[in-house]
PDB file of N, CA and C in Angstrom:
ATOM      1  N   MET A   1     -32.558  -9.132 124.099  1.00  0.00           N
ATOM      2  CA  MET A   1     -33.210 -10.027 123.174  1.00  0.00           C
ATOM      3  C   MET A   1     -33.033 -11.464 123.673  1.00  0.00           C
ATOM      4  N   VAL A   2     -34.081 -12.199 123.631  1.00  0.00           N
ATOM      5  CA  VAL A   2     -34.047 -13.586 124.078  1.00  0.00           C
ATOM      6  C   VAL A   2     -33.589 -14.464 122.915  1.00  0.00           C
ATOM      7  N   GLY A   3     -32.573 -15.270 123.187  1.00  0.00           N
ATOM      8  CA  GLY A   3     -32.019 -16.120 122.146  1.00  0.00           C
ATOM      9  C   GLY A   3     -32.843 -17.374 121.916  1.00  0.00           C
ATOM     10  N   SER A   4     -32.535 -18.037 120.831  1.00  0.00           N
ATOM     11  CA  SER A   4     -33.278 -19.254 120.491  1.00  0.00           C
ATOM     12  C   SER A   4     -33.016 -20.377 121.484  1.00  0.00           C
ATOM     13  N   ALA A   5     -31.839 -20.394 122.108  1.00  0.00           N
ATOM     14  CA  ALA A   5     -31.547 -21.420 123.107  1.00  0.00           C
ATOM     15  C   ALA A   5     -32.455 -21.276 124.327  1.00  0.00           C
ATOM     16  N   VAL A   6     -32.700 -20.035 124.718  1.00  0.00           N
ATOM     17  CA  VAL A   6     -33.577 -19.781 125.867  1.00  0.00           C
ATOM     18  C   VAL A   6     -35.011 -20.179 125.538  1.00  0.00           C
ATOM     19  N   ILE A   7     -35.457 -19.826 124.356  1.00  0.00           N
ATOM     20  CA  ILE A   7     -36.818 -20.174 123.951  1.00  0.00           C
ATOM     21  C   ILE A   7     -36.993 -21.684 123.871  1.00  0.00           C
ATOM     22  N   LEU A   8     -36.023 -22.375 123.295  1.00  0.00           N
ATOM     23  CA  LEU A   8     -36.087 -23.830 123.208  1.00  0.00           C
ATOM     24  C   LEU A   8     -36.121 -24.466 124.595  1.00  0.00           C
ATOM     25  N   THR A   9     -35.342 -23.938 125.519  1.00  0.00           N
ATOM     26  CA  THR A   9     -35.329 -24.469 126.881  1.00  0.00           C
ATOM     27  C   THR A   9     -36.666 -24.242 127.573  1.00  0.00           C
ATOM     28  N   ILE A  10     -37.228 -23.065 127.439  1.00  0.00           N
ATOM     29  CA  ILE A  10     -38.516 -22.757 128.064  1.00  0.00           C
ATOM     30  C   ILE A  10     -39.612 -23.638 127.497  1.00  0.00           C
ATOM     31  N   VAL A  11     -39.638 -23.794 126.183  1.00  0.00           N
ATOM     32  CA  VAL A  11     -40.656 -24.637 125.547  1.00  0.00           C
ATOM     33  C   VAL A  11     -40.491 -26.090 125.986  1.00  0.00           C
ATOM     34  N   SER A  12     -39.268 -26.558 126.054  1.00  0.00           N
ATOM     35  CA  SER A  12     -39.013 -27.928 126.457  1.00  0.00           C
ATOM     36  C   SER A  12     -39.478 -28.189 127.886  1.00  0.00           C
ATOM     37  N   VAL A  13     -39.208 -27.254 128.781  1.00  0.00           N
ATOM     38  CA  VAL A  13     -39.626 -27.419 130.173  1.00  0.00           C
ATOM     39  C   VAL A  13     -41.147 -27.362 130.290  1.00  0.00           C
ATOM     40  N   CYS A  14     -41.788 -26.482 129.558  1.00  0.00           N
ATOM     41  CA  CYS A  14     -43.256 -26.406 129.598  1.00  0.00           C
ATOM     42  C   CYS A  14     -43.899 -27.687 129.062  1.00  0.00           C
ATOM     43  N   VAL A  15     -43.380 -28.174 127.947  1.00  0.00           N
ATOM     44  CA  VAL A  15     -43.905 -29.425 127.388  1.00  0.00           C
ATOM     45  C   VAL A  15     -43.652 -30.584 128.346  1.00  0.00           C
ATOM     46  N   GLY A  16     -42.471 -30.612 128.946  1.00  0.00           N
ATOM     47  CA  GLY A  16     -42.159 -31.654 129.910  1.00  0.00           C
ATOM     48  C   GLY A  16     -43.080 -31.623 131.108  1.00  0.00           C
ATOM     49  N   PHE A  17     -43.417 -30.435 131.586  1.00  0.00           N
ATOM     50  CA  PHE A  17     -44.347 -30.319 132.705  1.00  0.00           C
ATOM     51  C   PHE A  17     -45.722 -30.861 132.336  1.00  0.00           C
ATOM     52  N   VAL A  18     -46.203 -30.525 131.155  1.00  0.00           N
ATOM     53  CA  VAL A  18     -47.510 -31.015 130.708  1.00  0.00           C
ATOM     54  C   VAL A  18     -47.494 -32.543 130.583  1.00  0.00           C
ATOM     55  N   ILE A  19     -46.433 -33.091 130.023  1.00  0.00           N
ATOM     56  CA  ILE A  19     -46.329 -34.544 129.885  1.00  0.00           C
ATOM     57  C   ILE A  19     -46.245 -35.202 131.260  1.00  0.00           C
ATOM     58  N   PHE A  20     -45.533 -34.568 132.196  1.00  0.00           N
ATOM     59  CA  PHE A  20     -45.435 -35.112 133.550  1.00  0.00           C
ATOM     60  C   PHE A  20     -46.796 -35.139 134.229  1.00  0.00           C
ATOM     61  N   VAL A  21     -47.591 -34.085 134.052  1.00  0.00           N
ATOM     62  CA  VAL A  21     -48.938 -34.053 134.621  1.00  0.00           C
ATOM     63  C   VAL A  21     -49.814 -35.131 133.980  1.00  0.00           C
ATOM     64  N   LEU A  22     -49.659 -35.329 132.678  1.00  0.00           N
ATOM     65  CA  LEU A  22     -50.397 -36.406 132.015  1.00  0.00           C
ATOM     66  C   LEU A  22     -50.006 -37.778 132.565  1.00  0.00           C
ATOM     67  N   ALA A  23     -48.719 -37.983 132.786  1.00  0.00           N
ATOM     68  CA  ALA A  23     -48.268 -39.254 133.336  1.00  0.00           C
ATOM     69  C   ALA A  23     -48.818 -39.463 134.740  1.00  0.00           C
ATOM     70  N   ALA A  24     -48.837 -38.422 135.543  1.00  0.00           N
ATOM     71  CA  ALA A  24     -49.368 -38.542 136.906  1.00  0.00           C
ATOM     72  C   ALA A  24     -50.861 -38.827 136.893  1.00  0.00           C
ATOM     73  N   SER A  25     -51.585 -38.142 136.037  1.00  0.00           N
ATOM     74  CA  SER A  25     -53.019 -38.407 135.980  1.00  0.00           C
ATOM     75  C   SER A  25     -53.306 -39.784 135.389  1.00  0.00           C
ATOM     76  N   GLY A  26     -52.450 -40.227 134.490  1.00  0.00           N
ATOM     77  CA  GLY A  26     -52.601 -41.576 133.952  1.00  0.00           C
ATOM     78  C   GLY A  26     -52.335 -42.638 134.997  1.00  0.00           C
ATOM     79  N   ALA A  27     -51.373 -42.385 135.870  1.00  0.00           N
ATOM     80  CA  ALA A  27     -51.096 -43.339 136.944  1.00  0.00           C
ATOM     81  C   ALA A  27     -52.264 -43.383 137.930  1.00  0.00           C
ATOM     82  N   ARG A  28     -52.841 -42.230 138.213  1.00  0.00           N
ATOM     83  CA  ARG A  28     -53.996 -42.203 139.119  1.00  0.00           C
ATOM     84  C   ARG A  28     -55.233 -42.802 138.468  1.00  0.00           C
ATOM     85  N   GLY A  29     -55.334 -42.633 137.154  1.00  0.00           N
ATOM     86  CA  GLY A  29     -56.510 -43.116 136.443  1.00  0.00           C
ATOM     87  C   GLY A  29     -56.404 -44.544 135.953  1.00  0.00           C
ATOM     88  N   LYS A  30     -55.362 -45.248 136.364  1.00  0.00           N
ATOM     89  CA  LYS A  30     -55.170 -46.666 136.002  1.00  0.00           C
ATOM     90  C   LYS A  30     -55.070 -46.868 134.494  1.00  0.00           C
ATOM     91  N   TRP A  31     -54.328 -45.949 133.818  1.00  0.00           N
ATOM     92  CA  TRP A  31     -54.064 -46.135 132.402  1.00  0.00           C
ATOM     93  C   TRP A  31     -53.111 -47.300 132.221  1.00  0.00           C
ATOM     94  N   ASP A  32     -52.889 -47.671 130.973  1.00  0.00           N
ATOM     95  CA  ASP A  32     -51.942 -48.735 130.664  1.00  0.00           C
ATOM     96  C   ASP A  32     -50.567 -48.367 131.217  1.00  0.00           C
ATOM     97  N   ARG A  33     -49.955 -49.313 131.914  1.00  0.00           N
ATOM     98  CA  ARG A  33     -48.686 -49.051 132.592  1.00  0.00           C
ATOM     99  C   ARG A  33     -47.586 -48.639 131.613  1.00  0.00           C
ATOM    100  N   ARG A  34     -47.559 -49.261 130.434  1.00  0.00           N
ATOM    101  CA  ARG A  34     -46.533 -48.908 129.440  1.00  0.00           C
ATOM    102  C   ARG A  34     -46.678 -47.471 128.972  1.00  0.00           C
ATOM    103  N   LEU A  35     -47.914 -47.016 128.816  1.00  0.00           N
ATOM    104  CA  LEU A  35     -48.156 -45.638 128.395  1.00  0.00           C
ATOM    105  C   LEU A  35     -47.692 -44.656 129.467  1.00  0.00           C
ATOM    106  N   VAL A  36     -47.989 -44.962 130.707  1.00  0.00           N
ATOM    107  CA  VAL A  36     -47.579 -44.079 131.803  1.00  0.00           C
ATOM    108  C   VAL A  36     -46.058 -44.006 131.892  1.00  0.00           C
ATOM    109  N   ILE A  37     -45.388 -45.137 131.751  1.00  0.00           N
ATOM    110  CA  ILE A  37     -43.927 -45.158 131.804  1.00  0.00           C
ATOM    111  C   ILE A  37     -43.339 -44.390 130.623  1.00  0.00           C
ATOM    112  N   ALA A  38     -43.929 -44.548 129.446  1.00  0.00           N
ATOM    113  CA  ALA A  38     -43.458 -43.811 128.270  1.00  0.00           C
ATOM    114  C   ALA A  38     -43.655 -42.306 128.446  1.00  0.00           C
ATOM    115  N   LEU A  39     -44.787 -41.908 129.004  1.00  0.00           N
ATOM    116  CA  LEU A  39     -45.020 -40.486 129.258  1.00  0.00           C
ATOM    117  C   LEU A  39     -44.025 -39.947 130.281  1.00  0.00           C
ATOM    118  N   PHE A  40     -43.778 -40.719 131.325  1.00  0.00           N
ATOM    119  CA  PHE A  40     -42.825 -40.289 132.349  1.00  0.00           C
ATOM    120  C   PHE A  40     -41.418 -40.162 131.764  1.00  0.00           C
ATOM    121  N   ALA A  41     -41.018 -41.128 130.958  1.00  0.00           N
ATOM    122  CA  ALA A  41     -39.685 -41.061 130.336  1.00  0.00           C
ATOM    123  C   ALA A  41     -39.578 -39.855 129.400  1.00  0.00           C
ATOM    124  N   SER A  42     -40.640 -39.582 128.659  1.00  0.00           N
ATOM    125  CA  SER A  42     -40.647 -38.403 127.782  1.00  0.00           C
ATOM    126  C   SER A  42     -40.551 -37.117 128.594  1.00  0.00           C
ATOM    127  N   ALA A  43     -41.232 -37.073 129.720  1.00  0.00           N
ATOM    128  CA  ALA A  43     -41.168 -35.893 130.583  1.00  0.00           C
ATOM    129  C   ALA A  43     -39.759 -35.693 131.128  1.00  0.00           C
ATOM    130  N   VAL A  44     -39.105 -36.778 131.518  1.00  0.00           N
ATOM    131  CA  VAL A  44     -37.742 -36.670 132.030  1.00  0.00           C
ATOM    132  C   VAL A  44     -36.807 -36.140 130.949  1.00  0.00           C
ATOM    133  N   VAL A  45     -36.986 -36.614 129.732  1.00  0.00           N
ATOM    134  CA  VAL A  45     -36.154 -36.123 128.631  1.00  0.00           C
ATOM    135  C   VAL A  45     -36.395 -34.634 128.399  1.00  0.00           C
ATOM    136  N   CYS A  46     -37.650 -34.229 128.385  1.00  0.00           N
ATOM    137  CA  CYS A  46     -37.965 -32.816 128.142  1.00  0.00           C
ATOM    138  C   CYS A  46     -37.522 -31.917 129.292  1.00  0.00           C
ATOM    139  N   LEU A  47     -37.541 -32.437 130.512  1.00  0.00           N
ATOM    140  CA  LEU A  47     -37.196 -31.617 131.668  1.00  0.00           C
ATOM    141  C   LEU A  47     -35.705 -31.596 131.979  1.00  0.00           C
ATOM    142  N   THR A  48     -34.960 -32.595 131.524  1.00  0.00           N
ATOM    143  CA  THR A  48     -33.544 -32.641 131.894  1.00  0.00           C
ATOM    144  C   THR A  48     -32.612 -32.706 130.691  1.00  0.00           C
ATOM    145  N   VAL A  49     -32.789 -33.676 129.833  1.00  0.00           N
ATOM    146  CA  VAL A  49     -31.813 -33.922 128.771  1.00  0.00           C
ATOM    147  C   VAL A  49     -31.759 -32.766 127.769  1.00  0.00           C
ATOM    148  N   ILE A  50     -32.899 -32.319 127.313  1.00  0.00           N
ATOM    149  CA  ILE A  50     -32.922 -31.241 126.314  1.00  0.00           C
ATOM    150  C   ILE A  50     -32.377 -29.927 126.883  1.00  0.00           C
ATOM    151  N   PRO A  51     -32.833 -29.467 128.071  1.00  0.00           N
ATOM    152  CA  PRO A  51     -32.253 -28.216 128.585  1.00  0.00           C
ATOM    153  C   PRO A  51     -30.748 -28.297 128.856  1.00  0.00           C
ATOM    154  N   VAL A  52     -30.271 -29.422 129.359  1.00  0.00           N
ATOM    155  CA  VAL A  52     -28.836 -29.546 129.627  1.00  0.00           C
ATOM    156  C   VAL A  52     -28.045 -29.532 128.330  1.00  0.00           C
ATOM    157  N   SER A  53     -28.527 -30.265 127.329  1.00  0.00           N
ATOM    158  CA  SER A  53     -27.794 -30.277 126.062  1.00  0.00           C
ATOM    159  C   SER A  53     -27.827 -28.908 125.385  1.00  0.00           C
ATOM    160  N   VAL A  54     -28.947 -28.204 125.489  1.00  0.00           N
ATOM    161  CA  VAL A  54     -29.019 -26.842 124.920  1.00  0.00           C
ATOM    162  C   VAL A  54     -28.064 -25.921 125.670  1.00  0.00           C
ATOM    163  N   ALA A  55     -28.019 -26.030 126.987  1.00  0.00           N
ATOM    164  CA  ALA A  55     -27.132 -25.159 127.776  1.00  0.00           C
ATOM    165  C   ALA A  55     -25.664 -25.442 127.458  1.00  0.00           C
ATOM    166  N   LEU A  56     -25.315 -26.700 127.334  1.00  0.00           N
ATOM    167  CA  LEU A  56     -23.937 -27.025 127.016  1.00  0.00           C
ATOM    168  C   LEU A  56     -23.565 -26.574 125.614  1.00  0.00           C
ATOM    169  N   THR A  57     -24.477 -26.751 124.683  1.00  0.00           N
ATOM    170  CA  THR A  57     -24.227 -26.314 123.310  1.00  0.00           C
ATOM    171  C   THR A  57     -24.116 -24.795 123.222  1.00  0.00           C
ATOM    172  N   ALA A  58     -25.017 -24.091 123.891  1.00  0.00           N
ATOM    173  CA  ALA A  58     -24.991 -22.625 123.852  1.00  0.00           C
ATOM    174  C   ALA A  58     -23.784 -22.085 124.603  1.00  0.00           C
ATOM    175  N   GLY A  59     -23.337 -22.828 125.613  1.00  0.00           N
ATOM    176  CA  GLY A  59     -22.191 -22.361 126.396  1.00  0.00           C
ATOM    177  C   GLY A  59     -20.873 -22.466 125.680  1.00  0.00           C
ATOM    178  N   VAL A  60     -20.744 -23.383 124.750  1.00  0.00           N
ATOM    179  CA  VAL A  60     -19.475 -23.542 124.042  1.00  0.00           C
ATOM    180  C   VAL A  60     -19.501 -22.932 122.642  1.00  0.00           C
ATOM    181  N   SER A  61     -20.656 -22.447 122.205  1.00  0.00           N
ATOM    182  CA  SER A  61     -20.733 -21.818 120.886  1.00  0.00           C
ATOM    183  C   SER A  61     -20.087 -20.450 120.920  1.00  0.00           C
ATOM    184  N   PRO A  62     -19.291 -20.107 119.925  1.00  0.00           N
ATOM    185  CA  PRO A  62     -18.659 -18.778 119.907  1.00  0.00           C
ATOM    186  C   PRO A  62     -19.691 -17.680 119.668  1.00  0.00           C
ATOM    187  N   GLY A  63     -19.500 -16.583 120.355  1.00  0.00           N
ATOM    188  CA  GLY A  63     -20.383 -15.450 120.150  1.00  0.00           C
ATOM    189  C   GLY A  63     -21.605 -15.441 121.025  1.00  0.00           C
ATOM    190  N   THR A  64     -21.738 -16.373 121.961  1.00  0.00           N
ATOM    191  CA  THR A  64     -22.919 -16.396 122.806  1.00  0.00           C
ATOM    192  C   THR A  64     -22.597 -16.043 124.247  1.00  0.00           C
ATOM    193  N   ALA A  65     -21.391 -15.571 124.516  1.00  0.00           N
ATOM    194  CA  ALA A  65     -20.983 -15.301 125.886  1.00  0.00           C
ATOM    195  C   ALA A  65     -21.443 -13.932 126.380  1.00  0.00           C
ATOM    196  N   GLY A  66     -22.160 -13.212 125.598  1.00  0.00           N
ATOM    197  CA  GLY A  66     -22.706 -11.987 126.127  1.00  0.00           C
ATOM    198  C   GLY A  66     -22.362 -10.814 125.319  1.00  0.00           C
TER     199      GLY A  66
END
């Protein structure tokens, strides 16, 4: 059975990838620089901060070691 931590991580990475592609296309399409930077920062959060915090939280929670 797939746990909620795994699902949250997968969803976060997928959303982060979509936001990263939007930021890249915005940079190529000469969108507003602030918007592109905000999209890129959001992608970094979705691709790194959320999965790491979920992994650390799931790793120290009792009853999740297998």
